[in-house]
Every structure is written in C-alpha cells, then in structure tokens.
Amino acid sequence: MEYSDEQKKKALLLCIFLGWLGIHRFYLHKVGTGVLWACTMGLCFVGWLYDIYAIASGAMFRTTPHASNTKNLEQIYSSLKEGEGILFSTQGVFAENFCTVACTNERILFASKVSELNRIQHEMPIESITSISYKIINGSGAVMIWSYGALNQIDGVPYNDVDKFVGTVNGELLKVKNK
C-alpha cells in the first residue's frame, strides 16, 4: 500500500506517543500486529522502538519484490533480443494472471507465474500500438493498450507506476513514428 508523506508523518507521531499500544499499526492497516502490540505493550517496548526507527527511516514502507516477480524478470531478461533493453517494468494483472510487464525499446513483454516454461506469456511490438491510456481506481491503475485493433488491459498496476509506464511507452511510440 502506498502512503503519502502526510500519512507517514502521522504514523510516526502515533508511533512515538502511542506506539506501545500499537495505534500506529492499526493506522497503517496492520491490524494483526496492532493487536499483538496492544496485548504485549509493543512486544515489551522493543518492537515499539524498532517501529519508531522503521517509520522514521522509511523501512516500514518499502516493499521487496515478490518472488514470482523476480522469476518473471528472469524470463523477460532471457528473452531480450540483441540491442534490446528494459526501460521500465511493473506488475499487474493481464489475461487474469498476475504478471510482470516490461517496456523495452522494441516491445512490451508480459511474463507470469503461469508460464512455467521459460518463455514470455505475451508480447506486443511497439510499432503495433495505436494508443495507450490509463485510469486510476481505488489507488491502483488500469492501463489500456490498443494493439492490432484489440484492447489489452493491465489491471492492478501500482499507482506510482502507472504514469511512468504510460510515459515510457508513449516515448517509444514517438521514436517509432519519427523514424
């Protein structure tokens, strides 16, 4: 989940003053550990002190790549052509499968856990794309790509990635059209 700077500051203040009760964890939608903190006085104050550090440093808000995302990126890297490079990658849901979506200088690649063989689930050459747009719904994005007259929609794209992804694809589209 993405948090604004204002929400992070509020979480830090809640942690400093009421952290031993786990109030900051409830605020951050971590209800299970919020209850644990409330019942154990912030795990005997040690967890409370750690949370002050984790919130202040931003460590509590960082996310690590999902294991399947790492495997998906390996699939994408292994399928790159000579001279092709990944410009931007993100995650989303495509064709009802959670996948990693990467925009290269030549095409958009989709790799998912479903494709157990070391291959790409779907690819779209940049020159086949006629338009791309997006909409934000409940904090995540849906990216719509028209290619070969068909609509390809990627749902659940993290809010912070939507604009960057669409911008990267549009940049590559301009390069293709200006050749």
Protein backbone atom coordinates (compact mmCIF):
# COMPACT_ATOMS: atom_id res chain seq x y z
CA MET A 1 0.00 0.00 0.00
CA GLU A 2 1.24 3.47 -0.86
CA TYR A 3 1.24 6.18 1.83
CA SER A 4 1.53 9.93 1.38
CA ASP A 5 4.19 11.92 3.25
CA GLU A 6 1.43 13.29 5.47
CA GLN A 7 0.29 9.77 6.38
CA LYS A 8 3.88 8.73 7.12
CA LYS A 9 4.34 11.72 9.45
CA LYS A 10 1.09 10.92 11.22
CA ALA A 11 2.16 7.27 11.60
CA LEU A 12 5.47 8.39 13.11
CA LEU A 13 3.73 10.68 15.62
CA LEU A 14 1.27 7.94 16.55
CA CYS A 15 4.17 5.53 16.98
CA ILE A 16 6.20 7.89 19.17
CA PHE A 17 3.33 8.73 21.51
CA LEU A 18 1.11 5.64 21.39
CA GLY A 19 3.33 3.03 19.75
CA TRP A 20 3.43 0.77 22.79
CA LEU A 21 -0.34 0.32 22.25
CA GLY A 22 0.09 -0.43 18.53
CA ILE A 23 -2.09 2.50 17.44
CA HIS A 24 0.27 3.30 14.54
CA ARG A 25 -0.08 -0.28 13.28
CA PHE A 26 -3.87 -0.01 13.18
CA TYR A 27 -3.47 3.30 11.33
CA LEU A 28 -1.22 1.55 8.77
CA HIS A 29 -3.80 -1.26 8.33
CA LYS A 30 -1.57 -3.81 10.09
CA VAL A 31 -4.39 -4.98 12.37
CA GLY A 32 -2.89 -8.34 13.37
CA THR A 33 0.35 -6.86 14.65
CA GLY A 34 -1.60 -3.91 16.06
CA VAL A 35 -3.48 -6.34 18.33
CA LEU A 36 -0.20 -8.08 19.20
CA TRP A 37 1.43 -4.73 20.09
CA ALA A 38 -1.61 -3.75 22.21
CA CYS A 39 -1.53 -7.06 24.15
CA THR A 40 2.27 -7.11 24.70
CA MET A 41 2.94 -3.39 25.20
CA GLY A 42 4.69 -3.15 21.87
CA LEU A 43 6.40 -6.53 22.36
CA CYS A 44 7.82 -5.35 25.67
CA PHE A 45 8.75 -1.95 24.17
CA VAL A 46 11.43 -3.44 21.87
CA GLY A 47 9.07 -3.68 18.88
CA TRP A 48 7.83 -0.16 19.62
CA LEU A 49 11.38 1.24 19.49
CA TYR A 50 12.10 -0.67 16.31
CA ASP A 51 8.90 0.70 14.71
CA ILE A 52 9.97 4.27 15.52
CA TYR A 53 13.21 3.59 13.63
CA ALA A 54 11.43 1.73 10.78
CA ILE A 55 8.88 4.51 10.22
CA ALA A 56 11.42 7.35 10.55
CA SER A 57 13.83 5.69 8.11
CA GLY A 58 11.08 4.66 5.70
CA ALA A 59 11.94 0.96 6.04
CA MET A 60 8.36 0.12 7.09
CA PHE A 61 7.05 1.46 3.77
CA ARG A 62 9.50 -0.26 1.41
CA THR A 63 8.36 -3.33 -0.43
CA THR A 64 10.56 -6.13 -1.63
CA PRO A 65 9.95 -7.75 -4.99
CA HIS A 66 7.60 -10.69 -4.86
CA ALA A 67 9.39 -13.99 -5.54
CA SER A 68 7.34 -14.58 -8.68
CA ASN A 69 8.25 -11.07 -9.90
CA THR A 70 11.94 -11.98 -9.68
CA LYS A 71 11.31 -15.16 -11.67
CA ASN A 72 9.23 -13.20 -14.18
CA LEU A 73 12.03 -10.65 -14.63
CA GLU A 74 14.44 -13.52 -15.28
CA GLN A 75 12.06 -14.75 -18.01
CA ILE A 76 11.98 -11.29 -19.54
CA TYR A 77 15.77 -10.80 -19.41
CA SER A 78 16.35 -14.20 -21.00
CA SER A 79 14.03 -13.34 -23.90
CA LEU A 80 15.62 -9.98 -24.81
CA LYS A 81 16.97 -9.64 -28.31
CA GLU A 82 20.42 -8.24 -29.02
CA GLY A 83 20.38 -4.47 -28.52
CA GLU A 84 17.07 -4.59 -26.63
CA GLY A 85 16.89 -3.22 -23.11
CA ILE A 86 14.25 -2.88 -20.42
CA LEU A 87 13.21 0.74 -19.97
CA PHE A 88 10.59 0.24 -17.25
CA SER A 89 8.86 -2.68 -15.57
CA THR A 90 5.93 -3.02 -13.20
CA GLN A 91 3.40 -5.57 -12.03
CA GLY A 92 -0.25 -6.04 -12.82
CA VAL A 93 -2.95 -8.46 -13.86
CA PHE A 94 -3.13 -9.37 -17.55
CA ALA A 95 -5.39 -12.07 -19.02
CA GLU A 96 -6.47 -12.94 -15.44
CA ASN A 97 -2.89 -13.72 -14.38
CA PHE A 98 -0.62 -11.75 -12.06
CA CYS A 99 2.35 -10.78 -14.20
CA THR A 100 5.38 -8.60 -14.64
CA VAL A 101 5.05 -6.15 -17.52
CA ALA A 102 8.19 -4.68 -19.07
CA CYS A 103 8.53 -2.00 -21.71
CA THR A 104 11.67 -2.37 -23.80
CA ASN A 105 12.89 -0.22 -26.67
CA GLU A 106 11.18 -2.67 -29.09
CA ARG A 107 8.15 -4.25 -27.40
CA ILE A 108 6.05 -4.74 -24.29
CA LEU A 109 6.58 -8.12 -22.64
CA PHE A 110 4.29 -9.94 -20.22
CA ALA A 111 5.67 -12.74 -18.03
CA SER A 112 3.62 -14.59 -15.45
CA LYS A 113 3.97 -17.41 -12.97
CA VAL A 114 1.54 -19.36 -15.18
CA SER A 115 4.09 -19.67 -17.95
CA GLU A 116 6.16 -22.34 -16.19
CA LEU A 117 8.32 -22.81 -19.26
CA ASN A 118 11.00 -20.16 -19.54
CA ARG A 119 9.01 -18.12 -22.04
CA ILE A 120 7.03 -14.92 -22.29
CA GLN A 121 3.23 -15.17 -21.89
CA HIS A 122 2.52 -12.34 -24.35
CA GLU A 123 4.40 -9.67 -26.28
CA MET A 124 3.39 -6.57 -28.17
CA PRO A 125 5.72 -4.80 -30.65
CA ILE A 126 5.87 -1.05 -30.01
CA GLU A 127 5.01 -0.30 -33.66
CA SER A 128 1.75 -2.29 -33.31
CA ILE A 129 0.44 0.02 -30.57
CA THR A 130 -2.05 2.58 -31.79
CA SER A 131 -2.88 4.16 -28.42
CA ILE A 132 -2.36 3.81 -24.69
CA SER A 133 -4.29 5.31 -21.79
CA TYR A 134 -4.96 4.69 -18.14
CA LYS A 135 -7.41 5.25 -15.33
CA ILE A 136 -6.93 5.22 -11.56
CA ILE A 137 -9.37 3.18 -9.49
CA ASN A 138 -9.06 2.77 -5.69
CA GLY A 139 -5.35 3.56 -5.55
CA SER A 140 -4.21 1.36 -8.43
CA GLY A 141 -4.28 1.77 -12.15
CA ALA A 142 -5.66 0.12 -15.23
CA VAL A 143 -3.56 0.59 -18.36
CA MET A 144 -5.34 0.14 -21.70
CA ILE A 145 -3.21 -0.56 -24.77
CA TRP A 146 -4.67 -0.79 -28.27
CA SER A 147 -2.56 -3.06 -30.46
CA TYR A 148 -3.53 -4.64 -33.79
CA GLY A 149 -7.08 -3.32 -33.24
CA ALA A 150 -7.52 -5.20 -29.95
CA LEU A 151 -7.70 -3.82 -26.44
CA ASN A 152 -5.18 -5.22 -23.96
CA GLN A 153 -5.85 -4.16 -20.38
CA ILE A 154 -3.45 -4.44 -17.45
CA ASP A 155 -5.23 -4.05 -14.10
CA GLY A 156 -3.84 -3.53 -10.61
CA VAL A 157 -0.78 -1.55 -11.68
CA PRO A 158 0.67 0.26 -8.63
CA TYR A 159 -0.47 3.89 -8.55
CA ASN A 160 3.09 5.28 -8.65
CA ASP A 161 3.97 3.17 -11.72
CA VAL A 162 1.02 3.96 -13.98
CA ASP A 163 2.15 7.37 -15.21
CA LYS A 164 5.79 6.25 -15.60
CA PHE A 165 4.80 3.15 -17.57
CA VAL A 166 2.45 5.02 -19.91
CA GLY A 167 5.05 7.78 -20.35
CA THR A 168 7.75 5.25 -21.23
CA VAL A 169 5.54 3.54 -23.83
CA ASN A 170 4.49 6.90 -25.31
CA GLY A 171 8.15 7.92 -25.55
CA GLU A 172 8.95 4.77 -27.51
CA LEU A 173 5.88 5.28 -29.72
CA LEU A 174 7.14 8.75 -30.63
CA LYS A 175 10.53 7.34 -31.57
CA VAL A 176 8.90 4.75 -33.86
CA LYS A 177 6.64 7.34 -35.50
CA ASN A 178 9.54 9.76 -36.05
CA LYS A 179 11.71 7.19 -37.88
